N, C-alpha and C. Protein backbone atom coordinates (compact mmCIF):
# COMPACT_ATOMS: atom_id res chain seq x y z
N LEU A 1 0.83 -1.21 0.00
CA LEU A 1 0.00 0.00 0.00
C LEU A 1 0.86 1.26 0.00
N THR A 2 1.87 1.28 0.84
CA THR A 2 2.72 2.47 0.92
C THR A 2 3.37 2.78 -0.42
N GLU A 3 3.86 1.76 -1.10
CA GLU A 3 4.49 1.98 -2.40
C GLU A 3 3.48 2.47 -3.43
N ARG A 4 2.28 1.90 -3.40
CA ARG A 4 1.23 2.32 -4.35
C ARG A 4 0.85 3.77 -4.11
N LEU A 5 0.73 4.17 -2.85
CA LEU A 5 0.40 5.57 -2.56
C LEU A 5 1.51 6.49 -3.04
N ALA A 6 2.75 6.10 -2.83
CA ALA A 6 3.87 6.92 -3.26
C ALA A 6 3.86 7.12 -4.77
N LEU A 7 3.59 6.05 -5.51
CA LEU A 7 3.56 6.14 -6.96
C LEU A 7 2.37 6.95 -7.45
N MET A 8 1.24 6.84 -6.77
CA MET A 8 0.03 7.49 -7.25
C MET A 8 -0.04 8.96 -6.88
N THR A 9 0.45 9.33 -5.72
CA THR A 9 0.29 10.71 -5.28
C THR A 9 1.37 11.62 -5.84
N ARG A 10 2.60 11.15 -5.83
CA ARG A 10 3.73 11.96 -6.30
C ARG A 10 3.71 13.35 -5.67
N ASP A 11 3.33 13.42 -4.43
CA ASP A 11 3.28 14.68 -3.70
C ASP A 11 4.48 14.75 -2.79
N PRO A 12 5.39 15.71 -2.99
CA PRO A 12 6.60 15.77 -2.17
C PRO A 12 6.31 16.06 -0.69
N HIS A 13 5.11 16.54 -0.39
CA HIS A 13 4.75 16.86 0.99
C HIS A 13 4.05 15.70 1.69
N LEU A 14 3.67 14.69 0.96
CA LEU A 14 2.95 13.55 1.51
C LEU A 14 3.86 12.34 1.52
N ASP A 15 4.19 11.87 2.71
CA ASP A 15 5.01 10.68 2.83
C ASP A 15 4.08 9.52 3.17
N PRO A 16 3.82 8.62 2.23
CA PRO A 16 2.91 7.50 2.50
C PRO A 16 3.31 6.66 3.69
N ALA A 17 4.59 6.61 4.01
CA ALA A 17 5.02 5.86 5.19
C ALA A 17 4.43 6.48 6.45
N ASP A 18 4.30 7.80 6.48
CA ASP A 18 3.69 8.46 7.63
C ASP A 18 2.21 8.10 7.73
N LEU A 19 1.53 8.02 6.59
CA LEU A 19 0.11 7.66 6.61
C LEU A 19 -0.11 6.26 7.15
N ALA A 20 0.83 5.37 6.89
CA ALA A 20 0.68 3.99 7.35
C ALA A 20 0.67 3.88 8.86
N THR A 21 1.17 4.89 9.55
CA THR A 21 1.22 4.84 11.02
C THR A 21 0.02 5.52 11.67
N VAL A 22 -0.85 6.12 10.90
CA VAL A 22 -2.00 6.83 11.44
C VAL A 22 -3.03 5.83 11.95
N ASP A 23 -3.31 5.89 13.24
CA ASP A 23 -4.29 4.99 13.84
C ASP A 23 -5.29 5.79 14.67
N VAL A 24 -5.94 6.72 14.01
CA VAL A 24 -6.97 7.54 14.63
C VAL A 24 -8.16 7.56 13.69
N PRO A 25 -9.34 7.86 14.21
CA PRO A 25 -10.48 8.00 13.31
C PRO A 25 -10.20 9.09 12.28
N ALA A 26 -10.52 8.81 11.03
CA ALA A 26 -10.26 9.78 9.97
C ALA A 26 -11.41 9.77 8.97
N LEU A 27 -11.72 10.94 8.49
CA LEU A 27 -12.75 11.10 7.46
C LEU A 27 -12.06 11.62 6.21
N VAL A 28 -12.08 10.84 5.16
CA VAL A 28 -11.51 11.24 3.87
C VAL A 28 -12.68 11.68 3.02
N VAL A 29 -12.68 12.95 2.63
CA VAL A 29 -13.80 13.50 1.86
C VAL A 29 -13.31 13.88 0.48
N VAL A 30 -14.08 13.50 -0.51
CA VAL A 30 -13.74 13.80 -1.90
C VAL A 30 -15.00 14.26 -2.63
N GLY A 31 -14.81 15.15 -3.60
CA GLY A 31 -15.92 15.56 -4.45
C GLY A 31 -16.10 14.57 -5.58
N ARG A 32 -17.33 14.33 -5.96
CA ARG A 32 -17.62 13.37 -7.04
C ARG A 32 -16.86 13.75 -8.31
N HIS A 33 -16.67 15.04 -8.55
CA HIS A 33 -16.00 15.51 -9.77
C HIS A 33 -14.61 16.08 -9.46
N ASP A 34 -13.98 15.54 -8.44
CA ASP A 34 -12.66 16.02 -8.03
C ASP A 34 -11.62 15.75 -9.12
N VAL A 35 -10.62 16.61 -9.19
CA VAL A 35 -9.54 16.40 -10.15
C VAL A 35 -8.59 15.29 -9.67
N VAL A 36 -8.61 15.02 -8.39
CA VAL A 36 -7.81 13.92 -7.85
C VAL A 36 -8.54 12.62 -8.18
N ARG A 37 -7.81 11.67 -8.71
CA ARG A 37 -8.44 10.40 -9.10
C ARG A 37 -9.06 9.72 -7.89
N PRO A 38 -10.27 9.19 -8.03
CA PRO A 38 -10.98 8.59 -6.90
C PRO A 38 -10.21 7.48 -6.21
N GLU A 39 -9.41 6.73 -6.96
CA GLU A 39 -8.68 5.63 -6.32
C GLU A 39 -7.63 6.13 -5.33
N HIS A 40 -7.16 7.36 -5.48
CA HIS A 40 -6.23 7.93 -4.50
C HIS A 40 -6.91 8.02 -3.14
N SER A 41 -8.09 8.58 -3.13
CA SER A 41 -8.83 8.73 -1.88
C SER A 41 -9.21 7.38 -1.30
N ARG A 42 -9.61 6.46 -2.17
CA ARG A 42 -9.95 5.11 -1.69
C ARG A 42 -8.75 4.42 -1.06
N LEU A 43 -7.58 4.56 -1.67
CA LEU A 43 -6.38 3.94 -1.12
C LEU A 43 -6.01 4.55 0.24
N ILE A 44 -6.12 5.85 0.33
CA ILE A 44 -5.80 6.51 1.60
C ILE A 44 -6.75 6.02 2.69
N ALA A 45 -8.03 5.98 2.41
CA ALA A 45 -9.01 5.53 3.40
C ALA A 45 -8.85 4.04 3.70
N ALA A 46 -8.62 3.24 2.68
CA ALA A 46 -8.52 1.80 2.87
C ALA A 46 -7.30 1.41 3.70
N GLY A 47 -6.27 2.23 3.64
CA GLY A 47 -5.06 1.92 4.38
C GLY A 47 -5.11 2.29 5.85
N ARG A 48 -6.18 2.92 6.27
CA ARG A 48 -6.34 3.32 7.67
C ARG A 48 -7.45 2.47 8.27
N PRO A 49 -7.17 1.75 9.33
CA PRO A 49 -8.20 0.88 9.90
C PRO A 49 -9.41 1.62 10.45
N ARG A 50 -9.23 2.88 10.80
CA ARG A 50 -10.35 3.62 11.39
C ARG A 50 -10.77 4.81 10.53
N ALA A 51 -10.59 4.66 9.21
CA ALA A 51 -10.94 5.75 8.29
C ALA A 51 -12.22 5.41 7.54
N ARG A 52 -12.90 6.47 7.14
CA ARG A 52 -14.11 6.32 6.35
C ARG A 52 -14.03 7.29 5.17
N LEU A 53 -14.44 6.84 4.01
CA LEU A 53 -14.44 7.67 2.80
C LEU A 53 -15.85 8.17 2.54
N ALA A 54 -15.96 9.46 2.29
CA ALA A 54 -17.25 10.06 1.95
C ALA A 54 -17.10 10.86 0.65
N THR A 55 -18.09 10.76 -0.21
CA THR A 55 -18.09 11.48 -1.48
C THR A 55 -19.23 12.47 -1.48
N VAL A 56 -18.93 13.70 -1.89
CA VAL A 56 -19.95 14.74 -1.99
C VAL A 56 -20.40 14.84 -3.44
N PRO A 57 -21.65 14.46 -3.73
CA PRO A 57 -22.16 14.53 -5.11
C PRO A 57 -22.14 15.96 -5.64
N GLY A 58 -21.75 16.11 -6.89
CA GLY A 58 -21.77 17.42 -7.53
C GLY A 58 -20.60 18.31 -7.17
N ALA A 59 -19.74 17.89 -6.26
CA ALA A 59 -18.62 18.72 -5.83
C ALA A 59 -17.37 18.37 -6.61
N GLY A 60 -16.47 19.34 -6.68
CA GLY A 60 -15.17 19.15 -7.28
C GLY A 60 -14.10 19.24 -6.21
N HIS A 61 -12.93 19.68 -6.61
CA HIS A 61 -11.79 19.72 -5.71
C HIS A 61 -11.93 20.80 -4.63
N MET A 62 -12.67 21.84 -4.91
CA MET A 62 -12.82 22.95 -3.95
C MET A 62 -14.10 22.83 -3.14
N LEU A 63 -14.48 21.61 -2.79
CA LEU A 63 -15.76 21.39 -2.13
C LEU A 63 -15.94 22.16 -0.83
N PRO A 64 -14.89 22.49 -0.06
CA PRO A 64 -15.14 23.31 1.13
C PRO A 64 -15.69 24.69 0.78
N VAL A 65 -15.33 25.19 -0.40
CA VAL A 65 -15.80 26.50 -0.84
C VAL A 65 -17.14 26.39 -1.55
N THR A 66 -17.29 25.39 -2.41
CA THR A 66 -18.49 25.28 -3.24
C THR A 66 -19.64 24.52 -2.57
N HIS A 67 -19.32 23.65 -1.62
CA HIS A 67 -20.33 22.82 -0.96
C HIS A 67 -20.14 22.79 0.56
N PRO A 68 -20.09 23.96 1.20
CA PRO A 68 -19.83 23.98 2.64
C PRO A 68 -20.89 23.28 3.47
N GLY A 69 -22.14 23.35 3.05
CA GLY A 69 -23.23 22.70 3.81
C GLY A 69 -23.07 21.19 3.88
N PRO A 70 -22.96 20.51 2.73
CA PRO A 70 -22.78 19.06 2.77
C PRO A 70 -21.51 18.65 3.51
N LEU A 71 -20.43 19.41 3.32
CA LEU A 71 -19.19 19.08 4.01
C LEU A 71 -19.36 19.23 5.53
N THR A 72 -20.00 20.30 5.94
CA THR A 72 -20.23 20.52 7.37
C THR A 72 -21.04 19.38 7.97
N ARG A 73 -22.09 18.95 7.27
CA ARG A 73 -22.91 17.86 7.78
C ARG A 73 -22.11 16.56 7.89
N LEU A 74 -21.24 16.31 6.91
CA LEU A 74 -20.39 15.11 6.99
C LEU A 74 -19.47 15.16 8.20
N VAL A 75 -18.83 16.30 8.39
CA VAL A 75 -17.89 16.44 9.50
C VAL A 75 -18.62 16.37 10.84
N GLU A 76 -19.77 17.05 10.94
CA GLU A 76 -20.53 17.00 12.20
C GLU A 76 -20.99 15.57 12.50
N GLY A 77 -21.45 14.84 11.48
CA GLY A 77 -21.86 13.47 11.68
C GLY A 77 -20.70 12.58 12.10
N PHE A 78 -19.56 12.80 11.49
CA PHE A 78 -18.36 12.04 11.83
C PHE A 78 -17.95 12.30 13.28
N LEU A 79 -17.95 13.55 13.67
CA LEU A 79 -17.57 13.91 15.04
C LEU A 79 -18.59 13.39 16.06
N ALA A 80 -19.87 13.38 15.68
CA ALA A 80 -20.91 12.88 16.59
C ALA A 80 -20.76 11.38 16.87
N GLU A 81 -20.15 10.66 15.93
CA GLU A 81 -19.92 9.23 16.12
C GLU A 81 -18.82 8.97 17.12
N ARG A 82 -18.04 9.94 17.42
CA ARG A 82 -16.90 9.76 18.33
C ARG A 82 -17.34 9.93 19.72
């Protein structure tokens, strides 16, 4: 998984080895029309035992700006589960 994330993200600021050690509840949110390939988000969520992936329909990469309501509801619901 770590190697696949490294190859897929190619982000110099993201070290997939660091992600492999994350053992906290996590919410990975992606827009349905995001420019980031959906499998990137799925891999990040799948590699965390306590992570959940959520997709915002109709949203793109800037979903916090374009879809603040749906994002807020997702985050509030996630936090309420804790």
